[in-house]
C-alpha atoms as a PDB file:
ATOM      1  CA  UNK A   1       0.000   0.000   0.000  1.00  0.00           C
ATOM      2  CA  UNK A   2       1.235   3.474  -0.845  1.00  0.00           C
ATOM      3  CA  UNK A   3       0.068   6.474   1.117  1.00  0.00           C
ATOM      4  CA  UNK A   4       0.603   9.835  -0.505  1.00  0.00           C
ATOM      5  CA  UNK A   5      -0.443  13.406  -0.175  1.00  0.00           C
ATOM      6  CA  UNK A   6      -2.337  15.248  -2.857  1.00  0.00           C
ATOM      7  CA  UNK A   7      -1.659  18.931  -2.627  1.00  0.00           C
ATOM      8  CA  UNK A   8      -4.280  21.232  -3.996  1.00  0.00           C
ATOM      9  CA  UNK A   9      -4.867  24.922  -3.451  1.00  0.00           C
ATOM     10  CA  UNK A  10      -7.936  25.383  -1.298  1.00  0.00           C
ATOM     11  CA  UNK A  11      -9.327  28.930  -1.287  1.00  0.00           C
ATOM     12  CA  UNK A  12     -10.415  28.871   2.291  1.00  0.00           C
ATOM     13  CA  UNK A  13     -10.726  30.141   5.796  1.00  0.00           C
ATOM     14  CA  UNK A  14      -9.982  28.245   8.985  1.00  0.00           C
ATOM     15  CA  UNK A  15     -12.966  26.752  10.825  1.00  0.00           C
ATOM     16  CA  UNK A  16     -11.966  28.454  14.068  1.00  0.00           C
ATOM     17  CA  UNK A  17     -11.978  31.842  12.321  1.00  0.00           C
ATOM     18  CA  UNK A  18     -15.595  31.613  11.136  1.00  0.00           C
ATOM     19  CA  UNK A  19     -17.899  33.971  12.944  1.00  0.00           C
ATOM     20  CA  UNK A  20     -21.121  32.799  14.388  1.00  0.00           C
ATOM     21  CA  UNK A  21     -20.309  29.266  15.482  1.00  0.00           C
ATOM     22  CA  UNK A  22     -20.740  30.057  19.148  1.00  0.00           C
ATOM     23  CA  UNK A  23     -23.739  32.363  18.864  1.00  0.00           C
ATOM     24  CA  UNK A  24     -25.733  30.690  16.083  1.00  0.00           C
ATOM     25  CA  UNK A  25     -25.180  33.522  13.568  1.00  0.00           C
ATOM     26  CA  UNK A  26     -26.698  32.793  10.144  1.00  0.00           C
ATOM     27  CA  UNK A  27     -23.229  32.700   8.629  1.00  0.00           C
ATOM     28  CA  UNK A  28     -22.818  29.255  10.169  1.00  0.00           C
ATOM     29  CA  UNK A  29     -26.254  27.686   9.908  1.00  0.00           C
ATOM     30  CA  UNK A  30     -26.996  24.397  11.632  1.00  0.00           C
ATOM     31  CA  UNK A  31     -27.090  22.699   8.233  1.00  0.00           C
ATOM     32  CA  UNK A  32     -23.592  23.943   7.336  1.00  0.00           C
ATOM     33  CA  UNK A  33     -22.166  22.999  10.738  1.00  0.00           C
ATOM     34  CA  UNK A  34     -23.660  19.497  10.487  1.00  0.00           C
ATOM     35  CA  UNK A  35     -22.171  19.095   7.006  1.00  0.00           C
ATOM     36  CA  UNK A  36     -18.715  20.133   8.221  1.00  0.00           C
ATOM     37  CA  UNK A  37     -18.940  17.884  11.269  1.00  0.00           C
ATOM     38  CA  UNK A  38     -19.931  14.895   9.134  1.00  0.00           C
ATOM     39  CA  UNK A  39     -17.076  15.598   6.725  1.00  0.00           C
ATOM     40  CA  UNK A  40     -14.523  15.809   9.550  1.00  0.00           C
ATOM     41  CA  UNK A  41     -15.903  12.589  11.086  1.00  0.00           C
ATOM     42  CA  UNK A  42     -15.822  10.759   7.725  1.00  0.00           C
ATOM     43  CA  UNK A  43     -12.291  11.931   6.920  1.00  0.00           C
ATOM     44  CA  UNK A  44     -10.901  10.869  10.303  1.00  0.00           C
ATOM     45  CA  UNK A  45     -12.668   7.488  10.036  1.00  0.00           C
ATOM     46  CA  UNK A  46     -11.154   6.934   6.577  1.00  0.00           C
ATOM     47  CA  UNK A  47      -7.697   7.898   7.854  1.00  0.00           C
ATOM     48  CA  UNK A  48      -8.022   5.400  10.696  1.00  0.00           C
ATOM     49  CA  UNK A  49      -9.075   2.663   8.248  1.00  0.00           C
ATOM     50  CA  UNK A  50      -5.683   2.982   6.526  1.00  0.00           C
ATOM     51  CA  UNK A  51      -3.738   3.311   9.762  1.00  0.00           C
ATOM     52  CA  UNK A  52      -3.175   7.076   9.710  1.00  0.00           C
ATOM     53  CA  UNK A  53      -3.533   9.206  12.847  1.00  0.00           C
ATOM     54  CA  UNK A  54      -4.511  12.868  12.463  1.00  0.00           C
ATOM     55  CA  UNK A  55      -2.589  13.725  15.612  1.00  0.00           C
ATOM     56  CA  UNK A  56      -3.485  17.372  16.228  1.00  0.00           C
ATOM     57  CA  UNK A  57      -7.210  17.635  15.708  1.00  0.00           C
ATOM     58  CA  UNK A  58      -8.689  21.051  16.415  1.00  0.00           C
ATOM     59  CA  UNK A  59     -10.784  23.634  14.544  1.00  0.00           C
ATOM     60  CA  UNK A  60      -7.645  25.490  13.441  1.00  0.00           C
ATOM     61  CA  UNK A  61      -6.707  22.352  11.449  1.00  0.00           C
ATOM     62  CA  UNK A  62      -9.998  22.218   9.561  1.00  0.00           C
ATOM     63  CA  UNK A  63     -10.300  24.412   6.478  1.00  0.00           C
ATOM     64  CA  UNK A  64     -13.589  25.389   4.875  1.00  0.00           C
ATOM     65  CA  UNK A  65     -13.365  25.694   1.089  1.00  0.00           C
ATOM     66  CA  UNK A  66     -14.797  29.090   0.122  1.00  0.00           C
ATOM     67  CA  UNK A  67     -16.287  27.838  -3.150  1.00  0.00           C
ATOM     68  CA  UNK A  68     -17.590  24.362  -2.261  1.00  0.00           C
ATOM     69  CA  UNK A  69     -18.191  24.945   1.486  1.00  0.00           C
ATOM     70  CA  UNK A  70     -16.511  21.603   2.219  1.00  0.00           C
ATOM     71  CA  UNK A  71     -14.389  20.855   5.299  1.00  0.00           C
ATOM     72  CA  UNK A  72     -10.783  19.743   4.716  1.00  0.00           C
ATOM     73  CA  UNK A  73      -8.703  18.201   7.508  1.00  0.00           C
ATOM     74  CA  UNK A  74      -5.066  19.389   7.485  1.00  0.00           C
ATOM     75  CA  UNK A  75      -1.830  19.187   9.489  1.00  0.00           C
ATOM     76  CA  UNK A  76      -0.701  15.640  10.095  1.00  0.00           C
ATOM     77  CA  UNK A  77       2.478  16.604  11.950  1.00  0.00           C
ATOM     78  CA  UNK A  78       1.296  15.035  15.199  1.00  0.00           C
ATOM     79  CA  UNK A  79       1.389  16.521  18.699  1.00  0.00           C
ATOM     80  CA  UNK A  80      -1.687  17.801  20.549  1.00  0.00           C
ATOM     81  CA  UNK A  81      -3.302  21.069  21.561  1.00  0.00           C
ATOM     82  CA  UNK A  82      -4.468  21.615  25.110  1.00  0.00           C
ATOM     83  CA  UNK A  83      -8.237  21.794  25.251  1.00  0.00           C
ATOM     84  CA  UNK A  84      -8.687  19.685  22.111  1.00  0.00           C
ATOM     85  CA  UNK A  85      -6.675  16.527  22.840  1.00  0.00           C
ATOM     86  CA  UNK A  86      -5.382  15.413  26.221  1.00  0.00           C
ATOM     87  CA  UNK A  87      -1.591  15.099  26.282  1.00  0.00           C
ATOM     88  CA  UNK A  88      -1.683  11.414  27.235  1.00  0.00           C
ATOM     89  CA  UNK A  89      -3.862  10.722  24.166  1.00  0.00           C
ATOM     90  CA  UNK A  90      -1.730  12.625  21.658  1.00  0.00           C
ATOM     91  CA  UNK A  91      -1.096  10.826  18.377  1.00  0.00           C
ATOM     92  CA  UNK A  92      -3.528   7.981  19.159  1.00  0.00           C
ATOM     93  CA  UNK A  93      -6.855   6.827  17.770  1.00  0.00           C
ATOM     94  CA  UNK A  94      -8.416   7.811  21.076  1.00  0.00           C
ATOM     95  CA  UNK A  95      -6.910  11.288  20.814  1.00  0.00           C
ATOM     96  CA  UNK A  96      -8.337  11.720  17.326  1.00  0.00           C
ATOM     97  CA  UNK A  97     -11.752  10.595  18.583  1.00  0.00           C
ATOM     98  CA  UNK A  98     -11.543  13.084  21.439  1.00  0.00           C
ATOM     99  CA  UNK A  99     -10.610  15.861  18.992  1.00  0.00           C
ATOM    100  CA  UNK A 100     -13.517  15.041  16.662  1.00  0.00           C
ATOM    101  CA  UNK A 101     -15.955  14.975  19.591  1.00  0.00           C
ATOM    102  CA  UNK A 102     -14.689  18.358  20.768  1.00  0.00           C
ATOM    103  CA  UNK A 103     -14.847  19.812  17.251  1.00  0.00           C
ATOM    104  CA  UNK A 104     -18.476  18.666  17.033  1.00  0.00           C
ATOM    105  CA  UNK A 105     -19.107  20.393  20.373  1.00  0.00           C
ATOM    106  CA  UNK A 106     -17.369  23.509  19.028  1.00  0.00           C
ATOM    107  CA  UNK A 107     -19.693  23.362  16.027  1.00  0.00           C
ATOM    108  CA  UNK A 108     -22.615  23.140  18.443  1.00  0.00           C
ATOM    109  CA  UNK A 109     -24.046  20.005  16.824  1.00  0.00           C
END
């Protein structure tokens, strides 16, 4: 099996920079937040199926494509970020699961 990286320019903003996620602003409707959450969940599940750990899951490492409104998971350098993944779970499947759960909470879904 060969694992590679496809690099593509993504005209985007970072999920954590989007206004309205905490206060329910129309900019981030429930439908959009659910879509992004499902895309993050699906991507992390697919990574785990091929033995890849995300490693530093947090909203700052999720990009939202400005044209397609799709969520892209980035930054596979490992480590952890306090508040998103507990240090003892860094670079583990459990840590990724914790990060996804917390991202879904951040998205308020």
